[in-house]
PDB file of all heavy atoms in Angstrom:
ATOM      1  N   GLU A   1      -4.945 -13.638   2.524  1.00  0.00           N
ATOM      2  CA  GLU A   1      -4.681 -13.769   3.988  1.00  0.00           C
ATOM      3  C   GLU A   1      -4.034 -12.441   4.571  1.00  0.00           C
ATOM      4  O   GLU A   1      -3.733 -12.410   5.757  1.00  0.00           O
ATOM      5  CB  GLU A   1      -3.683 -14.910   4.264  1.00  0.00           C
ATOM      6  CG  GLU A   1      -4.206 -16.189   3.741  1.00  0.00           C
ATOM      7  CD  GLU A   1      -5.460 -16.694   4.358  1.00  0.00           C
ATOM      8  OE1 GLU A   1      -5.670 -16.464   5.571  1.00  0.00           O
ATOM      9  OE2 GLU A   1      -6.352 -17.240   3.660  1.00  0.00           O
ATOM     10  N   ASP A   2      -3.799 -11.448   3.758  1.00  0.00           N
ATOM     11  CA  ASP A   2      -3.197 -10.191   4.217  1.00  0.00           C
ATOM     12  C   ASP A   2      -4.208  -9.002   4.112  1.00  0.00           C
ATOM     13  O   ASP A   2      -4.381  -8.453   3.080  1.00  0.00           O
ATOM     14  CB  ASP A   2      -2.003  -9.859   3.345  1.00  0.00           C
ATOM     15  CG  ASP A   2      -0.854 -10.889   3.610  1.00  0.00           C
ATOM     16  OD1 ASP A   2      -0.688 -11.310   4.764  1.00  0.00           O
ATOM     17  OD2 ASP A   2      -0.190 -11.236   2.649  1.00  0.00           O
ATOM     18  N   PRO A   3      -4.807  -8.642   5.225  1.00  0.00           N
ATOM     19  CA  PRO A   3      -5.643  -7.463   5.281  1.00  0.00           C
ATOM     20  C   PRO A   3      -4.830  -6.221   4.767  1.00  0.00           C
ATOM     21  O   PRO A   3      -3.634  -6.116   4.970  1.00  0.00           O
ATOM     22  CB  PRO A   3      -6.071  -7.296   6.674  1.00  0.00           C
ATOM     23  CG  PRO A   3      -5.876  -8.644   7.315  1.00  0.00           C
ATOM     24  CD  PRO A   3      -4.753  -9.302   6.577  1.00  0.00           C
ATOM     25  N   PHE A   4      -5.481  -5.336   4.060  1.00  0.00           N
ATOM     26  CA  PHE A   4      -4.891  -4.206   3.415  1.00  0.00           C
ATOM     27  C   PHE A   4      -3.894  -3.439   4.408  1.00  0.00           C
ATOM     28  O   PHE A   4      -2.758  -3.242   4.001  1.00  0.00           O
ATOM     29  CB  PHE A   4      -5.983  -3.227   2.985  1.00  0.00           C
ATOM     30  CG  PHE A   4      -5.402  -1.972   2.321  1.00  0.00           C
ATOM     31  CD1 PHE A   4      -5.072  -1.985   0.942  1.00  0.00           C
ATOM     32  CD2 PHE A   4      -5.286  -0.830   3.039  1.00  0.00           C
ATOM     33  CE1 PHE A   4      -4.554  -0.859   0.353  1.00  0.00           C
ATOM     34  CE2 PHE A   4      -4.785   0.337   2.455  1.00  0.00           C
ATOM     35  CZ  PHE A   4      -4.402   0.301   1.108  1.00  0.00           C
ATOM     36  N   ASP A   5      -4.341  -3.072   5.589  1.00  0.00           N
ATOM     37  CA  ASP A   5      -3.501  -2.281   6.492  1.00  0.00           C
ATOM     38  C   ASP A   5      -2.236  -3.076   6.864  1.00  0.00           C
ATOM     39  O   ASP A   5      -1.193  -2.557   6.899  1.00  0.00           O
ATOM     40  CB  ASP A   5      -4.221  -1.877   7.762  1.00  0.00           C
ATOM     41  CG  ASP A   5      -5.327  -0.813   7.465  1.00  0.00           C
ATOM     42  OD1 ASP A   5      -5.204  -0.072   6.498  1.00  0.00           O
ATOM     43  OD2 ASP A   5      -6.287  -0.760   8.220  1.00  0.00           O
ATOM     44  N   GLN A   6      -2.402  -4.360   7.084  1.00  0.00           N
ATOM     45  CA  GLN A   6      -1.242  -5.242   7.370  1.00  0.00           C
ATOM     46  C   GLN A   6      -0.317  -5.323   6.240  1.00  0.00           C
ATOM     47  O   GLN A   6       0.907  -5.216   6.376  1.00  0.00           O
ATOM     48  CB  GLN A   6      -1.753  -6.587   7.830  1.00  0.00           C
ATOM     49  CG  GLN A   6      -0.635  -7.617   8.086  1.00  0.00           C
ATOM     50  CD  GLN A   6      -1.190  -9.016   8.453  1.00  0.00           C
ATOM     51  OE1 GLN A   6      -2.228  -9.157   9.003  1.00  0.00           O
ATOM     52  NE2 GLN A   6      -0.526 -10.029   7.919  1.00  0.00           N
ATOM     53  N   TYR A   7      -0.852  -5.493   5.022  1.00  0.00           N
ATOM     54  CA  TYR A   7      -0.059  -5.616   3.788  1.00  0.00           C
ATOM     55  C   TYR A   7       0.726  -4.369   3.599  1.00  0.00           C
ATOM     56  O   TYR A   7       1.941  -4.396   3.273  1.00  0.00           O
ATOM     57  CB  TYR A   7      -0.962  -5.846   2.598  1.00  0.00           C
ATOM     58  CG  TYR A   7      -0.256  -6.300   1.393  1.00  0.00           C
ATOM     59  CD1 TYR A   7       0.008  -7.697   1.116  1.00  0.00           C
ATOM     60  CD2 TYR A   7       0.244  -5.362   0.497  1.00  0.00           C
ATOM     61  CE1 TYR A   7       0.729  -8.036  -0.042  1.00  0.00           C
ATOM     62  CE2 TYR A   7       0.989  -5.757  -0.641  1.00  0.00           C
ATOM     63  CZ  TYR A   7       1.186  -7.101  -0.903  1.00  0.00           C
ATOM     64  OH  TYR A   7       1.867  -7.476  -2.011  1.00  0.00           O
ATOM     65  N   MET A   8       0.112  -3.235   3.774  1.00  0.00           N
ATOM     66  CA  MET A   8       0.793  -1.923   3.506  1.00  0.00           C
ATOM     67  C   MET A   8       1.821  -1.573   4.555  1.00  0.00           C
ATOM     68  O   MET A   8       2.712  -0.787   4.348  1.00  0.00           O
ATOM     69  CB  MET A   8      -0.217  -0.806   3.460  1.00  0.00           C
ATOM     70  CG  MET A   8      -1.203  -0.994   2.222  1.00  0.00           C
ATOM     71  SD  MET A   8      -0.425  -1.356   0.636  1.00  0.00           S
ATOM     72  CE  MET A   8       0.584   0.065   0.389  1.00  0.00           C
ATOM     73  N   SER A   9       1.720  -2.206   5.734  1.00  0.00           N
ATOM     74  CA  SER A   9       2.672  -1.882   6.820  1.00  0.00           C
ATOM     75  C   SER A   9       3.898  -2.800   6.887  1.00  0.00           C
ATOM     76  O   SER A   9       4.724  -2.738   7.744  1.00  0.00           O
ATOM     77  CB  SER A   9       1.931  -1.980   8.195  1.00  0.00           C
ATOM     78  OG  SER A   9       1.626  -3.343   8.509  1.00  0.00           O
ATOM     79  N   GLN A  10       4.056  -3.709   5.888  1.00  0.00           N
ATOM     80  CA  GLN A  10       5.183  -4.651   5.874  1.00  0.00           C
ATOM     81  C   GLN A  10       6.525  -3.984   5.551  1.00  0.00           C
ATOM     82  O   GLN A  10       7.557  -4.609   5.775  1.00  0.00           O
ATOM     83  CB  GLN A  10       4.888  -5.730   4.774  1.00  0.00           C
ATOM     84  CG  GLN A  10       3.781  -6.626   5.100  1.00  0.00           C
ATOM     85  CD  GLN A  10       3.474  -7.595   3.969  1.00  0.00           C
ATOM     86  OE1 GLN A  10       4.240  -7.670   3.012  1.00  0.00           O
ATOM     87  NE2 GLN A  10       2.392  -8.295   4.070  1.00  0.00           N
ATOM     88  N   GLY A  11       6.548  -2.835   5.126  1.00  0.00           N
ATOM     89  CA  GLY A  11       7.816  -2.090   4.902  1.00  0.00           C
ATOM     90  C   GLY A  11       8.543  -2.455   3.669  1.00  0.00           C
ATOM     91  O   GLY A  11       9.740  -2.233   3.600  1.00  0.00           O
ATOM     92  N   ASN A  12       7.861  -3.031   2.646  1.00  0.00           N
ATOM     93  CA  ASN A  12       8.438  -3.461   1.410  1.00  0.00           C
ATOM     94  C   ASN A  12       8.540  -2.354   0.418  1.00  0.00           C
ATOM     95  O   ASN A  12       8.980  -2.628  -0.731  1.00  0.00           O
ATOM     96  CB  ASN A  12       7.700  -4.655   0.816  1.00  0.00           C
ATOM     97  CG  ASN A  12       7.708  -5.807   1.729  1.00  0.00           C
ATOM     98  OD1 ASN A  12       8.657  -6.127   2.508  1.00  0.00           O
ATOM     99  ND2 ASN A  12       6.564  -6.555   1.670  1.00  0.00           N
ATOM    100  N   PHE A  13       8.083  -1.137   0.744  1.00  0.00           N
ATOM    101  CA  PHE A  13       7.909  -0.184  -0.263  1.00  0.00           C
ATOM    102  C   PHE A  13       8.944   0.933  -0.211  1.00  0.00           C
ATOM    103  O   PHE A  13       9.205   1.485   0.891  1.00  0.00           O
ATOM    104  CB  PHE A  13       6.476   0.393  -0.262  1.00  0.00           C
ATOM    105  CG  PHE A  13       5.485  -0.726  -0.303  1.00  0.00           C
ATOM    106  CD1 PHE A  13       4.792  -1.046   0.850  1.00  0.00           C
ATOM    107  CD2 PHE A  13       5.232  -1.325  -1.489  1.00  0.00           C
ATOM    108  CE1 PHE A  13       3.869  -2.148   0.785  1.00  0.00           C
ATOM    109  CE2 PHE A  13       4.321  -2.407  -1.523  1.00  0.00           C
ATOM    110  CZ  PHE A  13       3.658  -2.781  -0.433  1.00  0.00           C
ATOM    111  N   GLY A  14       9.410   1.414  -1.375  1.00  0.00           N
ATOM    112  CA  GLY A  14      10.264   2.605  -1.442  1.00  0.00           C
ATOM    113  C   GLY A  14       9.387   3.824  -1.485  1.00  0.00           C
ATOM    114  O   GLY A  14       9.761   4.893  -0.942  1.00  0.00           O
ATOM    115  N   GLU A  15       8.236   3.673  -2.147  1.00  0.00           N
ATOM    116  CA  GLU A  15       7.279   4.801  -2.300  1.00  0.00           C
ATOM    117  C   GLU A  15       5.924   4.181  -2.059  1.00  0.00           C
ATOM    118  O   GLU A  15       5.618   3.111  -2.504  1.00  0.00           O
ATOM    119  CB  GLU A  15       7.338   5.393  -3.677  1.00  0.00           C
ATOM    120  CG  GLU A  15       8.623   5.966  -4.122  1.00  0.00           C
ATOM    121  CD  GLU A  15       8.579   6.354  -5.644  1.00  0.00           C
ATOM    122  OE1 GLU A  15       7.446   6.524  -6.158  1.00  0.00           O
ATOM    123  OE2 GLU A  15       9.619   6.462  -6.237  1.00  0.00           O
ATOM    124  N   VAL A  16       5.072   4.918  -1.388  1.00  0.00           N
ATOM    125  CA  VAL A  16       3.678   4.465  -1.261  1.00  0.00           C
ATOM    126  C   VAL A  16       2.779   5.729  -1.023  1.00  0.00           C
ATOM    127  O   VAL A  16       3.148   6.617  -0.232  1.00  0.00           O
ATOM    128  CB  VAL A  16       3.457   3.473  -0.143  1.00  0.00           C
ATOM    129  CG1 VAL A  16       3.719   4.043   1.254  1.00  0.00           C
ATOM    130  CG2 VAL A  16       2.061   2.847  -0.201  1.00  0.00           C
ATOM    131  N   ASN A  17       1.736   5.813  -1.776  1.00  0.00           N
ATOM    132  CA  ASN A  17       0.816   7.017  -1.679  1.00  0.00           C
ATOM    133  C   ASN A  17      -0.611   6.510  -1.479  1.00  0.00           C
ATOM    134  O   ASN A  17      -1.213   6.038  -2.429  1.00  0.00           O
ATOM    135  CB  ASN A  17       0.932   7.858  -2.933  1.00  0.00           C
ATOM    136  CG  ASN A  17       2.304   8.413  -3.085  1.00  0.00           C
ATOM    137  OD1 ASN A  17       2.821   9.124  -2.239  1.00  0.00           O
ATOM    138  ND2 ASN A  17       2.983   8.066  -4.210  1.00  0.00           N
ATOM    139  N   PRO A  18      -1.113   6.637  -0.268  1.00  0.00           N
ATOM    140  CA  PRO A  18      -2.495   6.160  -0.038  1.00  0.00           C
ATOM    141  C   PRO A  18      -3.559   7.117  -0.665  1.00  0.00           C
ATOM    142  O   PRO A  18      -3.301   8.278  -0.847  1.00  0.00           O
ATOM    143  CB  PRO A  18      -2.647   6.230   1.504  1.00  0.00           C
ATOM    144  CG  PRO A  18      -1.529   6.948   2.039  1.00  0.00           C
ATOM    145  CD  PRO A  18      -0.485   7.110   0.927  1.00  0.00           C
ATOM    146  N   PHE A  19      -4.692   6.508  -1.045  1.00  0.00           N
ATOM    147  CA  PHE A  19      -5.828   7.266  -1.550  1.00  0.00           C
ATOM    148  C   PHE A  19      -7.063   6.391  -1.365  1.00  0.00           C
ATOM    149  O   PHE A  19      -6.942   5.331  -0.742  1.00  0.00           O
ATOM    150  CB  PHE A  19      -5.617   7.668  -2.975  1.00  0.00           C
ATOM    151  CG  PHE A  19      -5.598   6.546  -4.016  1.00  0.00           C
ATOM    152  CD1 PHE A  19      -6.732   6.290  -4.774  1.00  0.00           C
ATOM    153  CD2 PHE A  19      -4.480   5.750  -4.194  1.00  0.00           C
ATOM    154  CE1 PHE A  19      -6.689   5.222  -5.720  1.00  0.00           C
ATOM    155  CE2 PHE A  19      -4.473   4.707  -5.116  1.00  0.00           C
ATOM    156  CZ  PHE A  19      -5.580   4.488  -5.888  1.00  0.00           C
ATOM    157  N   GLU A  20      -8.244   6.874  -1.787  1.00  0.00           N
ATOM    158  CA  GLU A  20      -9.451   6.023  -1.692  1.00  0.00           C
ATOM    159  C   GLU A  20     -10.087   6.056  -3.057  1.00  0.00           C
ATOM    160  O   GLU A  20      -9.969   6.997  -3.829  1.00  0.00           O
ATOM    161  CB  GLU A  20     -10.423   6.663  -0.697  1.00  0.00           C
ATOM    162  CG  GLU A  20     -10.043   6.371   0.734  1.00  0.00           C
ATOM    163  CD  GLU A  20     -11.200   6.824   1.705  1.00  0.00           C
ATOM    164  OE1 GLU A  20     -12.266   7.235   1.242  1.00  0.00           O
ATOM    165  OE2 GLU A  20     -10.949   6.706   2.931  1.00  0.00           O
ATOM    166  N   VAL A  21     -10.759   4.912  -3.375  1.00  0.00           N
ATOM    167  CA  VAL A  21     -11.577   4.734  -4.556  1.00  0.00           C
ATOM    168  C   VAL A  21     -12.976   4.361  -4.100  1.00  0.00           C
ATOM    169  O   VAL A  21     -13.195   3.355  -3.531  1.00  0.00           O
ATOM    170  CB  VAL A  21     -11.040   3.630  -5.497  1.00  0.00           C
ATOM    171  CG1 VAL A  21     -11.904   3.547  -6.767  1.00  0.00           C
ATOM    172  CG2 VAL A  21      -9.628   3.872  -5.867  1.00  0.00           C
ATOM    173  N   ASN A  22     -13.950   5.301  -4.272  1.00  0.00           N
ATOM    174  CA  ASN A  22     -15.327   5.037  -3.816  1.00  0.00           C
ATOM    175  C   ASN A  22     -15.421   4.615  -2.340  1.00  0.00           C
ATOM    176  O   ASN A  22     -16.159   3.755  -2.039  1.00  0.00           O
ATOM    177  CB  ASN A  22     -16.008   4.013  -4.718  1.00  0.00           C
ATOM    178  CG  ASN A  22     -16.116   4.534  -6.168  1.00  0.00           C
ATOM    179  OD1 ASN A  22     -16.393   5.663  -6.417  1.00  0.00           O
ATOM    180  ND2 ASN A  22     -15.958   3.579  -7.139  1.00  0.00           N
ATOM    181  N   GLY A  23     -14.585   5.220  -1.524  1.00  0.00           N
ATOM    182  CA  GLY A  23     -14.537   4.917  -0.105  1.00  0.00           C
ATOM    183  C   GLY A  23     -13.734   3.670   0.286  1.00  0.00           C
ATOM    184  O   GLY A  23     -13.632   3.382   1.422  1.00  0.00           O
ATOM    185  N   ARG A  24     -13.151   3.019  -0.699  1.00  0.00           N
ATOM    186  CA  ARG A  24     -12.355   1.897  -0.444  1.00  0.00           C
ATOM    187  C   ARG A  24     -10.856   2.285  -0.249  1.00  0.00           C
ATOM    188  O   ARG A  24     -10.338   3.074  -1.019  1.00  0.00           O
ATOM    189  CB  ARG A  24     -12.438   0.906  -1.644  1.00  0.00           C
ATOM    190  CG  ARG A  24     -11.684  -0.441  -1.434  1.00  0.00           C
ATOM    191  CD  ARG A  24     -11.641  -1.288  -2.681  1.00  0.00           C
ATOM    192  NE  ARG A  24     -13.013  -1.550  -3.220  1.00  0.00           N
ATOM    193  CZ  ARG A  24     -13.682  -2.743  -3.005  1.00  0.00           C
ATOM    194  NH1 ARG A  24     -13.124  -3.658  -2.224  1.00  0.00           N
ATOM    195  NH2 ARG A  24     -14.845  -2.900  -3.541  1.00  0.00           N
ATOM    196  N   LYS A  25     -10.200   1.738   0.752  1.00  0.00           N
ATOM    197  CA  LYS A  25      -8.801   1.998   0.949  1.00  0.00           C
ATOM    198  C   LYS A  25      -7.968   1.554  -0.270  1.00  0.00           C
ATOM    199  O   LYS A  25      -8.181   0.440  -0.775  1.00  0.00           O
ATOM    200  CB  LYS A  25      -8.252   1.352   2.209  1.00  0.00           C
ATOM    201  CG  LYS A  25      -8.743   1.854   3.520  1.00  0.00           C
ATOM    202  CD  LYS A  25      -8.187   1.105   4.620  1.00  0.00           C
ATOM    203  CE  LYS A  25      -8.773   1.440   5.953  1.00  0.00           C
ATOM    204  NZ  LYS A  25      -8.210   0.675   7.053  1.00  0.00           N
ATOM    205  N   ALA A  26      -7.042   2.371  -0.662  1.00  0.00           N
ATOM    206  CA  ALA A  26      -6.183   1.995  -1.789  1.00  0.00           C
ATOM    207  C   ALA A  26      -4.812   2.683  -1.595  1.00  0.00           C
ATOM    208  O   ALA A  26      -4.663   3.630  -0.734  1.00  0.00           O
ATOM    209  CB  ALA A  26      -6.798   2.450  -3.083  1.00  0.00           C
ATOM    210  N   ALA A  27      -3.845   2.267  -2.362  1.00  0.00           N
ATOM    211  CA  ALA A  27      -2.512   2.978  -2.364  1.00  0.00           C
ATOM    212  C   ALA A  27      -1.810   2.612  -3.643  1.00  0.00           C
ATOM    213  O   ALA A  27      -2.018   1.546  -4.232  1.00  0.00           O
ATOM    214  CB  ALA A  27      -1.689   2.469  -1.144  1.00  0.00           C
ATOM    215  N   VAL A  28      -0.967   3.533  -4.095  1.00  0.00           N
ATOM    216  CA  VAL A  28      -0.089   3.324  -5.177  1.00  0.00           C
ATOM    217  C   VAL A  28       1.325   3.179  -4.585  1.00  0.00           C
ATOM    218  O   VAL A  28       1.708   3.991  -3.770  1.00  0.00           O
ATOM    219  CB  VAL A  28      -0.129   4.496  -6.184  1.00  0.00           C
ATOM    220  CG1 VAL A  28       0.912   4.354  -7.258  1.00  0.00           C
ATOM    221  CG2 VAL A  28      -1.505   4.631  -6.813  1.00  0.00           C
ATOM    222  N   GLY A  29       2.045   2.124  -5.001  1.00  0.00           N
ATOM    223  CA  GLY A  29       3.325   1.977  -4.453  1.00  0.00           C
ATOM    224  C   GLY A  29       4.320   1.275  -5.352  1.00  0.00           C
ATOM    225  O   GLY A  29       3.918   0.667  -6.326  1.00  0.00           O
ATOM    226  N   VAL A  30       5.613   1.502  -5.028  1.00  0.00           N
ATOM    227  CA  VAL A  30       6.729   0.871  -5.724  1.00  0.00           C
ATOM    228  C   VAL A  30       7.531   0.116  -4.725  1.00  0.00           C
ATOM    229  O   VAL A  30       7.885   0.667  -3.658  1.00  0.00           O
ATOM    230  CB  VAL A  30       7.591   1.971  -6.463  1.00  0.00           C
ATOM    231  CG1 VAL A  30       8.779   1.306  -7.081  1.00  0.00           C
ATOM    232  CG2 VAL A  30       6.752   2.744  -7.433  1.00  0.00           C
ATOM    233  N   THR A  31       7.821  -1.140  -4.964  1.00  0.00           N
ATOM    234  CA  THR A  31       8.653  -1.920  -4.073  1.00  0.00           C
ATOM    235  C   THR A  31      10.068  -1.314  -3.870  1.00  0.00           C
ATOM    236  O   THR A  31      10.605  -0.885  -4.848  1.00  0.00           O
ATOM    237  CB  THR A  31       8.738  -3.390  -4.576  1.00  0.00           C
ATOM    238  OG1 THR A  31       7.412  -3.922  -4.730  1.00  0.00           O
ATOM    239  CG2 THR A  31       9.638  -4.278  -3.735  1.00  0.00           C
ATOM    240  N   ALA A  32      10.558  -1.315  -2.707  1.00  0.00           N
ATOM    241  CA  ALA A  32      11.860  -0.858  -2.416  1.00  0.00           C
ATOM    242  C   ALA A  32      12.883  -1.554  -3.368  1.00  0.00           C
ATOM    243  O   ALA A  32      12.835  -2.746  -3.524  1.00  0.00           O
ATOM    244  CB  ALA A  32      12.258  -1.103  -0.970  1.00  0.00           C
ATOM    245  N   GLY A  33      13.676  -0.770  -4.027  1.00  0.00           N
ATOM    246  CA  GLY A  33      14.662  -1.304  -4.941  1.00  0.00           C
ATOM    247  C   GLY A  33      14.138  -1.261  -6.382  1.00  0.00           C
ATOM    248  O   GLY A  33      14.924  -1.457  -7.362  1.00  0.00           O
ATOM    249  N   SER A  34      12.906  -1.067  -6.597  1.00  0.00           N
ATOM    250  CA  SER A  34      12.291  -1.027  -7.932  1.00  0.00           C
ATOM    251  C   SER A  34      12.052   0.413  -8.406  1.00  0.00           C
ATOM    252  O   SER A  34      11.483   0.547  -9.550  1.00  0.00           O
ATOM    253  CB  SER A  34      11.064  -1.839  -8.020  1.00  0.00           C
ATOM    254  OG  SER A  34      11.256  -3.216  -7.784  1.00  0.00           O
TER     255      SER A  34
END
């Protein structure tokens, strides 16, 4: 139920680094506090 852009904009991350895999949106991230 959470589209990628919405999921990534929730502000739950201490670190997040967007990238693409074969044209697909992706990101590597660590939850804030972790």
